[in-house]
Amino acid sequence: MTNQPTHSNASVTVTKLYNHPPQELFAAWTNIESLKQWMCPEGGQVSFAAVDLRVGGSYRIDMQFGAEVIVHHGVYREITPPEKLVFTWISANTRRQETVVTIQFARRGAQTELTLTHERFPDAESAQAHSTGWHSIFIRLEKVLT
């Protein structure tokens, strides 16, 4: 990682450079088969994923850790290939409150800088848990891409 995840004022930002073009990274975030491979922190797996990739369309990702399944769902607010994705994010870990994730893909020479900003957490504990989770997910994404 180029930067460690940080959280402040109940938000999280994670930035990482990838040796892949923005189009490839954008596709990884929007393709169901790709999401199933990496969109879960280490120690778990995606047991179900559905994506209706359009503004106003919804998604659902079920992350399974042993017998426990954590359902994550939300609605796409902005889709600008291959530069930006914005969607809501709701789960038990956000206390079932709507949070907002913004992902930006910026070319940096031969690399792409992926910046994820997750905002509107109900409390610092939820932000910290998501900071840890997103860090792990970014590492899994790198493994799937290489």
N, C-alpha and C. Protein backbone atom coordinates (compact mmCIF):
# COMPACT_ATOMS: atom_id res chain seq x y z
N MET A 1 0.84 -1.17 0.00
CA MET A 1 0.00 0.00 0.00
C MET A 1 0.88 1.23 0.00
N THR A 2 0.46 2.21 -0.73
CA THR A 2 1.20 3.46 -0.71
C THR A 2 0.86 4.25 0.55
N ASN A 3 -0.35 4.16 1.01
CA ASN A 3 -0.78 4.83 2.24
C ASN A 3 -1.54 3.84 3.10
N GLN A 4 -1.38 3.97 4.38
CA GLN A 4 -2.16 3.14 5.29
C GLN A 4 -3.56 3.74 5.40
N PRO A 5 -4.57 2.91 5.64
CA PRO A 5 -5.92 3.45 5.81
C PRO A 5 -5.95 4.36 7.03
N THR A 6 -6.71 5.40 6.91
CA THR A 6 -6.88 6.31 8.04
C THR A 6 -8.37 6.56 8.24
N HIS A 7 -8.73 6.93 9.45
CA HIS A 7 -10.12 7.33 9.68
C HIS A 7 -10.14 8.54 10.58
N SER A 8 -11.07 9.42 10.31
CA SER A 8 -11.25 10.60 11.14
C SER A 8 -12.66 11.11 10.91
N ASN A 9 -13.24 11.66 11.97
CA ASN A 9 -14.59 12.18 11.88
C ASN A 9 -15.53 11.16 11.25
N ALA A 10 -15.40 9.93 11.67
CA ALA A 10 -16.25 8.83 11.21
C ALA A 10 -16.22 8.67 9.70
N SER A 11 -15.02 8.75 9.11
CA SER A 11 -14.84 8.43 7.70
C SER A 11 -13.52 7.69 7.54
N VAL A 12 -13.37 7.01 6.40
CA VAL A 12 -12.18 6.21 6.12
C VAL A 12 -11.72 6.54 4.70
N THR A 13 -10.41 6.70 4.53
CA THR A 13 -9.84 6.85 3.19
C THR A 13 -8.70 5.86 3.04
N VAL A 14 -8.70 5.12 1.94
CA VAL A 14 -7.64 4.17 1.63
C VAL A 14 -7.19 4.47 0.21
N THR A 15 -5.87 4.58 0.02
CA THR A 15 -5.30 4.85 -1.30
C THR A 15 -4.23 3.81 -1.60
N LYS A 16 -4.26 3.29 -2.82
CA LYS A 16 -3.27 2.29 -3.22
C LYS A 16 -2.97 2.45 -4.70
N LEU A 17 -1.70 2.25 -5.07
CA LEU A 17 -1.30 2.23 -6.46
C LEU A 17 -1.33 0.79 -6.97
N TYR A 18 -1.91 0.62 -8.15
CA TYR A 18 -1.97 -0.69 -8.80
C TYR A 18 -1.27 -0.60 -10.15
N ASN A 19 -0.63 -1.68 -10.56
CA ASN A 19 0.04 -1.75 -11.86
C ASN A 19 -0.93 -2.22 -12.94
N HIS A 20 -2.09 -1.60 -12.98
CA HIS A 20 -3.15 -1.97 -13.93
C HIS A 20 -3.83 -0.69 -14.39
N PRO A 21 -4.36 -0.68 -15.62
CA PRO A 21 -5.03 0.53 -16.11
C PRO A 21 -6.36 0.77 -15.39
N PRO A 22 -6.83 2.01 -15.38
CA PRO A 22 -8.10 2.31 -14.72
C PRO A 22 -9.27 1.45 -15.21
N GLN A 23 -9.30 1.16 -16.51
CA GLN A 23 -10.38 0.35 -17.05
C GLN A 23 -10.46 -1.03 -16.40
N GLU A 24 -9.30 -1.63 -16.17
CA GLU A 24 -9.25 -2.96 -15.55
C GLU A 24 -9.71 -2.91 -14.10
N LEU A 25 -9.29 -1.88 -13.38
CA LEU A 25 -9.71 -1.74 -11.99
C LEU A 25 -11.20 -1.43 -11.89
N PHE A 26 -11.68 -0.55 -12.76
CA PHE A 26 -13.11 -0.23 -12.76
C PHE A 26 -13.92 -1.49 -13.01
N ALA A 27 -13.49 -2.29 -13.98
CA ALA A 27 -14.19 -3.55 -14.29
C ALA A 27 -14.18 -4.50 -13.10
N ALA A 28 -13.08 -4.54 -12.35
CA ALA A 28 -13.01 -5.42 -11.18
C ALA A 28 -14.06 -5.04 -10.14
N TRP A 29 -14.37 -3.75 -10.04
CA TRP A 29 -15.35 -3.26 -9.06
C TRP A 29 -16.79 -3.40 -9.54
N THR A 30 -16.99 -3.70 -10.82
CA THR A 30 -18.35 -3.71 -11.36
C THR A 30 -18.79 -5.04 -11.95
N ASN A 31 -17.90 -6.00 -12.02
CA ASN A 31 -18.20 -7.32 -12.56
C ASN A 31 -18.46 -8.31 -11.44
N ILE A 32 -19.60 -8.98 -11.46
CA ILE A 32 -19.99 -9.89 -10.38
C ILE A 32 -18.96 -10.99 -10.17
N GLU A 33 -18.50 -11.62 -11.24
CA GLU A 33 -17.54 -12.72 -11.09
C GLU A 33 -16.24 -12.24 -10.45
N SER A 34 -15.82 -11.04 -10.80
CA SER A 34 -14.63 -10.48 -10.19
C SER A 34 -14.87 -10.19 -8.71
N LEU A 35 -15.96 -9.53 -8.40
CA LEU A 35 -16.28 -9.19 -7.00
C LEU A 35 -16.29 -10.42 -6.10
N LYS A 36 -16.80 -11.52 -6.62
CA LYS A 36 -16.87 -12.75 -5.83
C LYS A 36 -15.49 -13.24 -5.41
N GLN A 37 -14.47 -12.89 -6.18
CA GLN A 37 -13.11 -13.36 -5.90
C GLN A 37 -12.39 -12.58 -4.81
N TRP A 38 -12.74 -11.29 -4.62
CA TRP A 38 -11.92 -10.47 -3.75
C TRP A 38 -12.66 -9.53 -2.80
N MET A 39 -13.96 -9.32 -2.97
CA MET A 39 -14.67 -8.31 -2.20
C MET A 39 -15.10 -8.80 -0.82
N CYS A 40 -14.10 -9.23 -0.04
CA CYS A 40 -14.34 -9.68 1.32
C CYS A 40 -12.99 -9.66 2.04
N PRO A 41 -12.97 -9.22 3.29
CA PRO A 41 -11.70 -9.25 4.02
C PRO A 41 -11.16 -10.68 4.16
N GLU A 42 -9.86 -10.77 4.37
CA GLU A 42 -9.19 -12.05 4.58
C GLU A 42 -9.91 -12.83 5.67
N GLY A 43 -10.02 -14.14 5.46
CA GLY A 43 -10.70 -15.00 6.43
C GLY A 43 -12.14 -15.27 6.08
N GLY A 44 -12.64 -14.57 5.05
CA GLY A 44 -14.02 -14.76 4.62
C GLY A 44 -14.08 -14.96 3.12
N GLN A 45 -15.30 -15.11 2.63
CA GLN A 45 -15.51 -15.26 1.20
C GLN A 45 -16.86 -14.68 0.84
N VAL A 46 -17.01 -14.30 -0.42
CA VAL A 46 -18.29 -13.82 -0.91
C VAL A 46 -19.15 -15.03 -1.22
N SER A 47 -20.27 -15.15 -0.52
CA SER A 47 -21.16 -16.29 -0.75
C SER A 47 -22.27 -15.95 -1.74
N PHE A 48 -22.50 -14.65 -1.98
CA PHE A 48 -23.52 -14.21 -2.94
C PHE A 48 -23.18 -12.79 -3.37
N ALA A 49 -23.38 -12.51 -4.66
CA ALA A 49 -23.20 -11.14 -5.16
C ALA A 49 -24.19 -10.89 -6.28
N ALA A 50 -24.77 -9.70 -6.29
CA ALA A 50 -25.68 -9.27 -7.35
C ALA A 50 -25.39 -7.79 -7.62
N VAL A 51 -25.38 -7.42 -8.89
CA VAL A 51 -25.07 -6.04 -9.28
C VAL A 51 -26.02 -5.61 -10.39
N ASP A 52 -26.71 -4.49 -10.18
CA ASP A 52 -27.51 -3.83 -11.21
C ASP A 52 -26.80 -2.51 -11.48
N LEU A 53 -25.81 -2.56 -12.36
CA LEU A 53 -24.88 -1.44 -12.55
C LEU A 53 -25.52 -0.34 -13.39
N ARG A 54 -26.22 0.53 -12.72
CA ARG A 54 -26.80 1.74 -13.31
C ARG A 54 -27.10 2.69 -12.17
N VAL A 55 -27.12 3.98 -12.45
CA VAL A 55 -27.45 4.94 -11.42
C VAL A 55 -28.87 4.63 -10.94
N GLY A 56 -29.01 4.44 -9.64
CA GLY A 56 -30.28 4.03 -9.05
C GLY A 56 -30.42 2.52 -8.93
N GLY A 57 -29.50 1.78 -9.57
CA GLY A 57 -29.49 0.32 -9.47
C GLY A 57 -28.89 -0.11 -8.14
N SER A 58 -29.22 -1.30 -7.72
CA SER A 58 -28.75 -1.77 -6.42
C SER A 58 -27.69 -2.87 -6.57
N TYR A 59 -27.04 -3.16 -5.48
CA TYR A 59 -26.10 -4.27 -5.42
C TYR A 59 -26.30 -4.96 -4.06
N ARG A 60 -25.81 -6.18 -3.99
CA ARG A 60 -25.80 -6.92 -2.72
C ARG A 60 -24.58 -7.82 -2.72
N ILE A 61 -23.86 -7.80 -1.61
CA ILE A 61 -22.69 -8.65 -1.44
C ILE A 61 -22.81 -9.30 -0.07
N ASP A 62 -22.85 -10.63 -0.04
CA ASP A 62 -22.90 -11.38 1.21
C ASP A 62 -21.50 -11.89 1.51
N MET A 63 -20.95 -11.45 2.64
CA MET A 63 -19.63 -11.89 3.07
C MET A 63 -19.80 -12.94 4.15
N GLN A 64 -19.19 -14.10 3.93
CA GLN A 64 -19.34 -15.22 4.86
C GLN A 64 -18.05 -15.49 5.59
N PHE A 65 -18.16 -15.56 6.92
CA PHE A 65 -17.04 -15.87 7.81
C PHE A 65 -17.49 -17.06 8.65
N GLY A 66 -17.09 -18.27 8.24
CA GLY A 66 -17.59 -19.46 8.92
C GLY A 66 -19.09 -19.56 8.73
N ALA A 67 -19.83 -19.67 9.83
CA ALA A 67 -21.29 -19.76 9.75
C ALA A 67 -21.96 -18.39 9.67
N GLU A 68 -21.20 -17.32 9.94
CA GLU A 68 -21.78 -15.97 9.95
C GLU A 68 -21.77 -15.37 8.54
N VAL A 69 -22.92 -14.82 8.13
CA VAL A 69 -23.04 -14.13 6.85
C VAL A 69 -23.43 -12.68 7.13
N ILE A 70 -22.64 -11.76 6.58
CA ILE A 70 -22.92 -10.33 6.73
C ILE A 70 -23.34 -9.80 5.36
N VAL A 71 -24.58 -9.33 5.29
CA VAL A 71 -25.14 -8.81 4.04
C VAL A 71 -24.81 -7.33 3.93
N HIS A 72 -24.26 -6.95 2.78
CA HIS A 72 -23.97 -5.55 2.46
C HIS A 72 -24.79 -5.20 1.23
N HIS A 73 -25.44 -4.06 1.26
CA HIS A 73 -26.24 -3.66 0.10
C HIS A 73 -26.28 -2.14 -0.01
N GLY A 74 -26.68 -1.68 -1.19
CA GLY A 74 -26.78 -0.26 -1.41
C GLY A 74 -27.22 0.04 -2.82
N VAL A 75 -27.12 1.32 -3.17
CA VAL A 75 -27.58 1.82 -4.46
C VAL A 75 -26.46 2.63 -5.09
N TYR A 76 -26.29 2.45 -6.40
CA TYR A 76 -25.30 3.23 -7.14
C TYR A 76 -25.81 4.65 -7.33
N ARG A 77 -24.98 5.62 -6.95
CA ARG A 77 -25.34 7.04 -7.10
C ARG A 77 -24.66 7.69 -8.30
N GLU A 78 -23.43 7.24 -8.60
CA GLU A 78 -22.70 7.78 -9.73
C GLU A 78 -21.83 6.69 -10.33
N ILE A 79 -21.86 6.60 -11.66
CA ILE A 79 -21.04 5.62 -12.39
C ILE A 79 -20.41 6.37 -13.56
N THR A 80 -19.10 6.61 -13.48
CA THR A 80 -18.38 7.32 -14.52
C THR A 80 -17.17 6.49 -14.92
N PRO A 81 -17.36 5.52 -15.87
CA PRO A 81 -16.24 4.66 -16.25
C PRO A 81 -15.16 5.45 -16.98
N PRO A 82 -13.91 5.15 -16.77
CA PRO A 82 -13.34 4.32 -15.72
C PRO A 82 -12.79 5.16 -14.58
N GLU A 83 -13.46 6.26 -14.24
CA GLU A 83 -12.90 7.22 -13.30
C GLU A 83 -13.49 7.19 -11.90
N LYS A 84 -14.79 6.88 -11.78
CA LYS A 84 -15.41 7.08 -10.48
C LYS A 84 -16.65 6.21 -10.30
N LEU A 85 -16.80 5.71 -9.06
CA LEU A 85 -18.00 4.99 -8.62
C LEU A 85 -18.42 5.59 -7.27
N VAL A 86 -19.71 5.82 -7.11
CA VAL A 86 -20.24 6.27 -5.82
C VAL A 86 -21.46 5.42 -5.53
N PHE A 87 -21.50 4.84 -4.32
CA PHE A 87 -22.64 4.01 -3.94
C PHE A 87 -22.86 4.07 -2.43
N THR A 88 -24.08 3.80 -2.03
CA THR A 88 -24.37 3.70 -0.61
C THR A 88 -23.94 2.32 -0.13
N TRP A 89 -23.74 2.18 1.17
CA TRP A 89 -23.24 0.93 1.77
C TRP A 89 -23.94 0.76 3.12
N ILE A 90 -24.71 -0.29 3.22
CA ILE A 90 -25.47 -0.56 4.45
C ILE A 90 -25.21 -2.00 4.87
N SER A 91 -24.93 -2.19 6.15
CA SER A 91 -24.75 -3.54 6.69
C SER A 91 -24.93 -3.49 8.20
N ALA A 92 -24.88 -4.65 8.82
CA ALA A 92 -24.93 -4.69 10.29
C ALA A 92 -23.77 -3.91 10.87
N ASN A 93 -22.63 -3.90 10.16
CA ASN A 93 -21.44 -3.21 10.65
C ASN A 93 -21.51 -1.69 10.52
N THR A 94 -22.53 -1.17 9.82
CA THR A 94 -22.78 0.28 9.80
C THR A 94 -24.00 0.57 10.68
N ARG A 95 -24.35 -0.40 11.51
CA ARG A 95 -25.53 -0.28 12.39
C ARG A 95 -26.79 -0.10 11.56
N ARG A 96 -26.76 -0.68 10.35
CA ARG A 96 -27.86 -0.61 9.38
C ARG A 96 -28.16 0.82 8.91
N GLN A 97 -27.18 1.70 9.12
CA GLN A 97 -27.31 3.08 8.64
C GLN A 97 -26.64 3.20 7.28
N GLU A 98 -27.17 4.08 6.46
CA GLU A 98 -26.61 4.30 5.14
C GLU A 98 -25.31 5.09 5.24
N THR A 99 -24.25 4.52 4.67
CA THR A 99 -22.97 5.21 4.53
C THR A 99 -22.72 5.38 3.03
N VAL A 100 -21.70 6.13 2.68
CA VAL A 100 -21.45 6.40 1.26
C VAL A 100 -19.99 6.09 0.93
N VAL A 101 -19.79 5.33 -0.15
CA VAL A 101 -18.46 4.96 -0.64
C VAL A 101 -18.22 5.66 -1.98
N THR A 102 -17.08 6.34 -2.08
CA THR A 102 -16.65 6.96 -3.34
C THR A 102 -15.32 6.34 -3.72
N ILE A 103 -15.24 5.83 -4.94
CA ILE A 103 -14.00 5.23 -5.43
C ILE A 103 -13.56 6.01 -6.66
N GLN A 104 -12.31 6.46 -6.64
CA GLN A 104 -11.77 7.20 -7.76
C GLN A 104 -10.56 6.46 -8.31
N PHE A 105 -10.48 6.40 -9.64
CA PHE A 105 -9.41 5.71 -10.36
C PHE A 105 -8.65 6.76 -11.16
N ALA A 106 -7.40 7.05 -10.79
CA ALA A 106 -6.63 8.10 -11.45
C ALA A 106 -5.32 7.53 -11.99
N ARG A 107 -5.09 7.75 -13.28
CA ARG A 107 -3.84 7.29 -13.88
C ARG A 107 -2.69 8.08 -13.31
N ARG A 108 -1.64 7.35 -12.92
CA ARG A 108 -0.40 7.94 -12.40
C ARG A 108 0.74 7.29 -13.16
N GLY A 109 1.05 7.82 -14.35
CA GLY A 109 2.06 7.22 -15.20
C GLY A 109 1.57 5.87 -15.69
N ALA A 110 2.34 4.81 -15.44
CA ALA A 110 1.96 3.46 -15.85
C ALA A 110 1.05 2.79 -14.82
N GLN A 111 0.78 3.47 -13.73
CA GLN A 111 -0.04 2.90 -12.66
C GLN A 111 -1.37 3.63 -12.54
N THR A 112 -2.24 3.05 -11.72
CA THR A 112 -3.50 3.68 -11.38
C THR A 112 -3.59 3.82 -9.88
N GLU A 113 -3.90 5.03 -9.45
CA GLU A 113 -4.13 5.27 -8.03
C GLU A 113 -5.62 5.08 -7.76
N LEU A 114 -5.91 4.15 -6.87
CA LEU A 114 -7.29 3.89 -6.47
C LEU A 114 -7.47 4.51 -5.08
N THR A 115 -8.42 5.42 -4.98
CA THR A 115 -8.72 6.06 -3.70
C THR A 115 -10.16 5.77 -3.33
N LEU A 116 -10.33 5.15 -2.18
CA LEU A 116 -11.65 4.85 -1.64
C LEU A 116 -11.89 5.75 -0.44
N THR A 117 -13.01 6.44 -0.45
CA THR A 117 -13.42 7.24 0.70
C THR A 117 -14.78 6.72 1.15
N HIS A 118 -14.87 6.31 2.40
CA HIS A 118 -16.11 5.75 2.96
C HIS A 118 -16.53 6.71 4.08
N GLU A 119 -17.71 7.31 3.93
CA GLU A 119 -18.15 8.38 4.83
C GLU A 119 -19.49 8.06 5.49
N ARG A 120 -19.78 8.88 6.50
CA ARG A 120 -21.06 8.88 7.21
C ARG A 120 -21.24 7.67 8.13
N PHE A 121 -20.15 7.22 8.74
CA PHE A 121 -20.24 6.13 9.71
C PHE A 121 -21.00 6.61 10.94
N PRO A 122 -21.70 5.70 11.58
CA PRO A 122 -22.44 6.09 12.77
C PRO A 122 -21.54 6.39 13.97
N ASP A 123 -20.31 5.81 13.97
CA ASP A 123 -19.40 6.02 15.10
C ASP A 123 -17.99 5.63 14.69
N ALA A 124 -17.03 5.98 15.54
CA ALA A 124 -15.62 5.71 15.26
C ALA A 124 -15.32 4.22 15.23
N GLU A 125 -16.01 3.43 16.04
CA GLU A 125 -15.79 1.98 16.05
C GLU A 125 -16.12 1.36 14.69
N SER A 126 -17.24 1.77 14.11
CA SER A 126 -17.63 1.27 12.79
C SER A 126 -16.61 1.71 11.73
N ALA A 127 -16.14 2.95 11.83
CA ALA A 127 -15.13 3.44 10.88
C ALA A 127 -13.85 2.63 10.99
N GLN A 128 -13.41 2.35 12.21
CA GLN A 128 -12.17 1.58 12.40
C GLN A 128 -12.31 0.17 11.85
N ALA A 129 -13.44 -0.48 12.09
CA ALA A 129 -13.65 -1.83 11.56
C ALA A 129 -13.62 -1.82 10.04
N HIS A 130 -14.21 -0.82 9.42
CA HIS A 130 -14.20 -0.74 7.97
C HIS A 130 -12.82 -0.38 7.43
N SER A 131 -12.06 0.41 8.15
CA SER A 131 -10.69 0.71 7.75
C SER A 131 -9.89 -0.58 7.64
N THR A 132 -9.99 -1.42 8.64
CA THR A 132 -9.30 -2.71 8.63
C THR A 132 -9.80 -3.58 7.48
N GLY A 133 -11.12 -3.62 7.29
CA GLY A 133 -11.71 -4.43 6.23
C GLY A 133 -11.30 -3.98 4.84
N TRP A 134 -11.37 -2.67 4.58
CA TRP A 134 -10.99 -2.18 3.25
C TRP A 134 -9.51 -2.44 2.97
N HIS A 135 -8.65 -2.28 3.97
CA HIS A 135 -7.22 -2.56 3.78
C HIS A 135 -7.03 -4.00 3.31
N SER A 136 -7.69 -4.93 3.98
CA SER A 136 -7.60 -6.34 3.62
C SER A 136 -8.16 -6.60 2.22
N ILE A 137 -9.27 -5.96 1.90
CA ILE A 137 -9.90 -6.13 0.58
C ILE A 137 -8.98 -5.61 -0.53
N PHE A 138 -8.31 -4.49 -0.31
CA PHE A 138 -7.39 -3.95 -1.32
C PHE A 138 -6.25 -4.93 -1.59
N ILE A 139 -5.77 -5.59 -0.56
CA ILE A 139 -4.71 -6.59 -0.74
C ILE A 139 -5.24 -7.78 -1.54
N ARG A 140 -6.46 -8.21 -1.25
CA ARG A 140 -7.05 -9.32 -2.01
C ARG A 140 -7.26 -8.94 -3.47
N LEU A 141 -7.68 -7.71 -3.72
CA LEU A 141 -7.84 -7.25 -5.10
C LEU A 141 -6.52 -7.33 -5.84
N GLU A 142 -5.44 -6.89 -5.21
CA GLU A 142 -4.12 -6.95 -5.85
C GLU A 142 -3.76 -8.39 -6.21
N LYS A 143 -4.03 -9.32 -5.31
CA LYS A 143 -3.72 -10.73 -5.57
C LYS A 143 -4.51 -11.27 -6.75
N VAL A 144 -5.78 -10.89 -6.86
CA VAL A 144 -6.62 -11.38 -7.96
C VAL A 144 -6.16 -10.79 -9.29
N LEU A 145 -5.73 -9.55 -9.28
CA LEU A 145 -5.31 -8.90 -10.52
C LEU A 145 -3.97 -9.41 -11.04
N THR A 146 -3.13 -9.98 -10.15
CA THR A 146 -1.79 -10.42 -10.60
C THR A 146 -1.72 -11.89 -10.85
